[in-house]
Structure formats: C-alpha cells, structure tokens
Amino acid sequence: MKSTDAAPPYESSEIGTPKEYTDDLYLVYFEVGEYQERAKAILESYLGEERKASIQTLAHGYIVEIALQCTPDIVKRLVDENIAVYQVNRFAKSDGRW
C-alpha cells in the first residue's frame, strides 16, 4: 500500500510512529509483571482466536504482532487489570496485515 492510498493518507515520515494508522503489523514486546498468566489472557483476548497462537512468551513478557495503534489499547487493558507494564518495545515491521 502506498501512503497516499491509506485512509487517512499518511506521510512516509510517519511510518513506525504514533501517527501511523495503517494495518501494517509490527512485532511489539510487552514486559509485564505477570501473575497467573493474567497478562497473557488479556493479550489473547485482544488478539482473538486467529492470532493468539502467535504470542511469544519470554521470561518477563510477551512478543505480539500487532498494528501500532493497538499498543495504547493493550497497555490500558493491562493497567486496568492492575498488571504492571515495565516497558513496551516496537521491533521490526512484519509482512502481515491487521
């Protein structure tokens, strides 16, 4: 997709920033204070049946493949359930689409 084909259109300088509202997917790491896999359950619920199997479990968090605009929503859901979020890191853009 070209930036001019997106709705709304975006500048190429906005790719990978909070102003990107495309359906492009990125690998994102959420470092959380996990307790009884509550954070994982929230991530699974957000991602849905088709995508939840792609969650990568690490020692202190999870890597998920999401569109960037999903990041604040996920953080809010975690915090609303009193799950501490220690860091969120966006990694490389993947080939998938939301």
C-alpha atoms as a PDB file:
ATOM      1  CA  MET A   1       0.000   0.000   0.000  1.00  0.00           C
ATOM      2  CA  LYS A   2       1.274   3.459  -0.844  1.00  0.00           C
ATOM      3  CA  SER A   3       0.968   6.172   1.771  1.00  0.00           C
ATOM      4  CA  THR A   4      -1.444   8.059  -0.483  1.00  0.00           C
ATOM      5  CA  ASP A   5      -3.749   5.012  -0.677  1.00  0.00           C
ATOM      6  CA  ALA A   6      -4.208   4.777   3.080  1.00  0.00           C
ATOM      7  CA  ALA A   7      -7.309   6.137   4.754  1.00  0.00           C
ATOM      8  CA  PRO A   8      -6.478   8.642   6.060  1.00  0.00           C
ATOM      9  CA  PRO A   9      -3.372   9.311   3.921  1.00  0.00           C
ATOM     10  CA  TYR A  10      -0.134   9.495   5.865  1.00  0.00           C
ATOM     11  CA  GLU A  11       3.341  10.776   5.199  1.00  0.00           C
ATOM     12  CA  SER A  12       6.146   8.251   4.815  1.00  0.00           C
ATOM     13  CA  SER A  13       7.884  10.019   7.706  1.00  0.00           C
ATOM     14  CA  GLU A  14       5.004   8.822   9.927  1.00  0.00           C
ATOM     15  CA  ILE A  15       5.710   5.131   9.349  1.00  0.00           C
ATOM     16  CA  GLY A  16       6.525   3.471  12.657  1.00  0.00           C
ATOM     17  CA  THR A  17       5.397   6.496  14.705  1.00  0.00           C
ATOM     18  CA  PRO A  18       2.296   7.166  16.821  1.00  0.00           C
ATOM     19  CA  LYS A  19       0.787   8.872  13.755  1.00  0.00           C
ATOM     20  CA  GLU A  20       0.764   5.632  11.743  1.00  0.00           C
ATOM     21  CA  TYR A  21      -2.777   4.332  11.394  1.00  0.00           C
ATOM     22  CA  THR A  22      -2.240   1.613   8.823  1.00  0.00           C
ATOM     23  CA  ASP A  23      -2.991  -2.075   9.135  1.00  0.00           C
ATOM     24  CA  ASP A  24       0.731  -2.880   8.889  1.00  0.00           C
ATOM     25  CA  LEU A  25       1.950  -5.215  11.633  1.00  0.00           C
ATOM     26  CA  TYR A  26       4.944  -4.843  13.922  1.00  0.00           C
ATOM     27  CA  LEU A  27       6.497  -7.115  16.499  1.00  0.00           C
ATOM     28  CA  VAL A  28       5.986  -5.474  19.891  1.00  0.00           C
ATOM     29  CA  TYR A  29       7.418  -6.601  23.230  1.00  0.00           C
ATOM     30  CA  PHE A  30       5.423  -6.026  26.414  1.00  0.00           C
ATOM     31  CA  GLU A  31       7.414  -6.500  29.624  1.00  0.00           C
ATOM     32  CA  VAL A  32       4.914  -7.050  32.395  1.00  0.00           C
ATOM     33  CA  GLY A  33       4.571  -8.098  35.998  1.00  0.00           C
ATOM     34  CA  GLU A  34       2.847 -11.388  35.255  1.00  0.00           C
ATOM     35  CA  TYR A  35       0.694 -13.208  37.797  1.00  0.00           C
ATOM     36  CA  GLN A  36      -1.140 -16.450  36.983  1.00  0.00           C
ATOM     37  CA  GLU A  37      -0.889 -15.630  33.259  1.00  0.00           C
ATOM     38  CA  ARG A  38      -3.391 -12.763  33.577  1.00  0.00           C
ATOM     39  CA  ALA A  39      -1.400 -10.582  31.164  1.00  0.00           C
ATOM     40  CA  LYS A  40      -1.269 -13.401  28.637  1.00  0.00           C
ATOM     41  CA  ALA A  41      -5.033 -13.869  28.916  1.00  0.00           C
ATOM     42  CA  ILE A  42      -5.554 -10.164  28.180  1.00  0.00           C
ATOM     43  CA  LEU A  43      -3.281 -10.368  25.150  1.00  0.00           C
ATOM     44  CA  GLU A  44      -5.062 -13.491  23.912  1.00  0.00           C
ATOM     45  CA  SER A  45      -8.447 -11.837  24.337  1.00  0.00           C
ATOM     46  CA  TYR A  46      -7.300  -8.753  22.438  1.00  0.00           C
ATOM     47  CA  LEU A  47      -5.713 -10.709  19.600  1.00  0.00           C
ATOM     48  CA  GLY A  48      -8.578 -13.160  19.183  1.00  0.00           C
ATOM     49  CA  GLU A  49      -8.619 -16.821  18.272  1.00  0.00           C
ATOM     50  CA  GLU A  50      -6.769 -16.499  14.975  1.00  0.00           C
ATOM     51  CA  ARG A  51      -3.801 -14.531  16.303  1.00  0.00           C
ATOM     52  CA  LYS A  52      -3.370 -15.685  19.891  1.00  0.00           C
ATOM     53  CA  ALA A  53      -1.219 -18.666  18.885  1.00  0.00           C
ATOM     54  CA  SER A  54       1.417 -16.241  17.598  1.00  0.00           C
ATOM     55  CA  ILE A  55       2.153 -14.842  21.084  1.00  0.00           C
ATOM     56  CA  GLN A  56       5.776 -15.491  22.011  1.00  0.00           C
ATOM     57  CA  THR A  57       6.319 -15.992  25.742  1.00  0.00           C
ATOM     58  CA  LEU A  58       9.600 -14.697  27.181  1.00  0.00           C
ATOM     59  CA  ALA A  59      10.979 -14.671  30.723  1.00  0.00           C
ATOM     60  CA  HIS A  60       9.405 -11.329  31.665  1.00  0.00           C
ATOM     61  CA  GLY A  61       6.855 -10.631  28.980  1.00  0.00           C
ATOM     62  CA  TYR A  62       5.439 -11.317  25.577  1.00  0.00           C
ATOM     63  CA  ILE A  63       6.086 -10.507  21.938  1.00  0.00           C
ATOM     64  CA  VAL A  64       2.990  -9.994  19.831  1.00  0.00           C
ATOM     65  CA  GLU A  65       2.403  -8.991  16.224  1.00  0.00           C
ATOM     66  CA  ILE A  66       0.041  -6.004  16.164  1.00  0.00           C
ATOM     67  CA  ALA A  67      -0.753  -2.794  14.339  1.00  0.00           C
ATOM     68  CA  LEU A  68       0.868   0.153  16.122  1.00  0.00           C
ATOM     69  CA  GLN A  69      -2.424   1.790  17.024  1.00  0.00           C
ATOM     70  CA  CYS A  70      -3.235  -1.284  19.152  1.00  0.00           C
ATOM     71  CA  THR A  71      -0.361  -0.601  21.561  1.00  0.00           C
ATOM     72  CA  PRO A  72      -2.078   2.019  23.784  1.00  0.00           C
ATOM     73  CA  ASP A  73      -5.250  -0.084  23.924  1.00  0.00           C
ATOM     74  CA  ILE A  74      -3.330  -3.118  25.134  1.00  0.00           C
ATOM     75  CA  VAL A  75      -1.385  -1.108  27.731  1.00  0.00           C
ATOM     76  CA  LYS A  76      -4.653   0.359  29.039  1.00  0.00           C
ATOM     77  CA  ARG A  77      -6.243  -3.079  29.348  1.00  0.00           C
ATOM     78  CA  LEU A  78      -3.222  -4.376  31.253  1.00  0.00           C
ATOM     79  CA  VAL A  79      -3.143  -1.388  33.601  1.00  0.00           C
ATOM     80  CA  ASP A  80      -6.905  -1.533  34.151  1.00  0.00           C
ATOM     81  CA  GLU A  81      -6.353  -5.073  35.485  1.00  0.00           C
ATOM     82  CA  ASN A  82      -3.538  -3.853  37.808  1.00  0.00           C
ATOM     83  CA  ILE A  83      -0.817  -5.504  35.739  1.00  0.00           C
ATOM     84  CA  ALA A  84       2.409  -3.528  35.851  1.00  0.00           C
ATOM     85  CA  VAL A  85       3.852  -2.632  32.448  1.00  0.00           C
ATOM     86  CA  TYR A  86       7.599  -2.089  32.721  1.00  0.00           C
ATOM     87  CA  GLN A  87       8.379  -1.438  29.083  1.00  0.00           C
ATOM     88  CA  VAL A  88       6.993  -1.635  25.581  1.00  0.00           C
ATOM     89  CA  ASN A  89       9.381  -2.012  22.641  1.00  0.00           C
ATOM     90  CA  ARG A  90       8.469  -1.880  18.981  1.00  0.00           C
ATOM     91  CA  PHE A  91      10.652  -4.100  16.858  1.00  0.00           C
ATOM     92  CA  ALA A  92      10.686  -4.618  13.119  1.00  0.00           C
ATOM     93  CA  LYS A  93       7.750  -4.264  10.798  1.00  0.00           C
ATOM     94  CA  SER A  94       6.494  -7.650   9.641  1.00  0.00           C
ATOM     95  CA  ASP A  95       4.837  -8.709   6.402  1.00  0.00           C
ATOM     96  CA  GLY A  96       1.416  -9.223   7.971  1.00  0.00           C
ATOM     97  CA  ARG A  97      -1.731  -7.068   7.901  1.00  0.00           C
ATOM     98  CA  TRP A  98      -4.182  -6.415  10.705  1.00  0.00           C
END
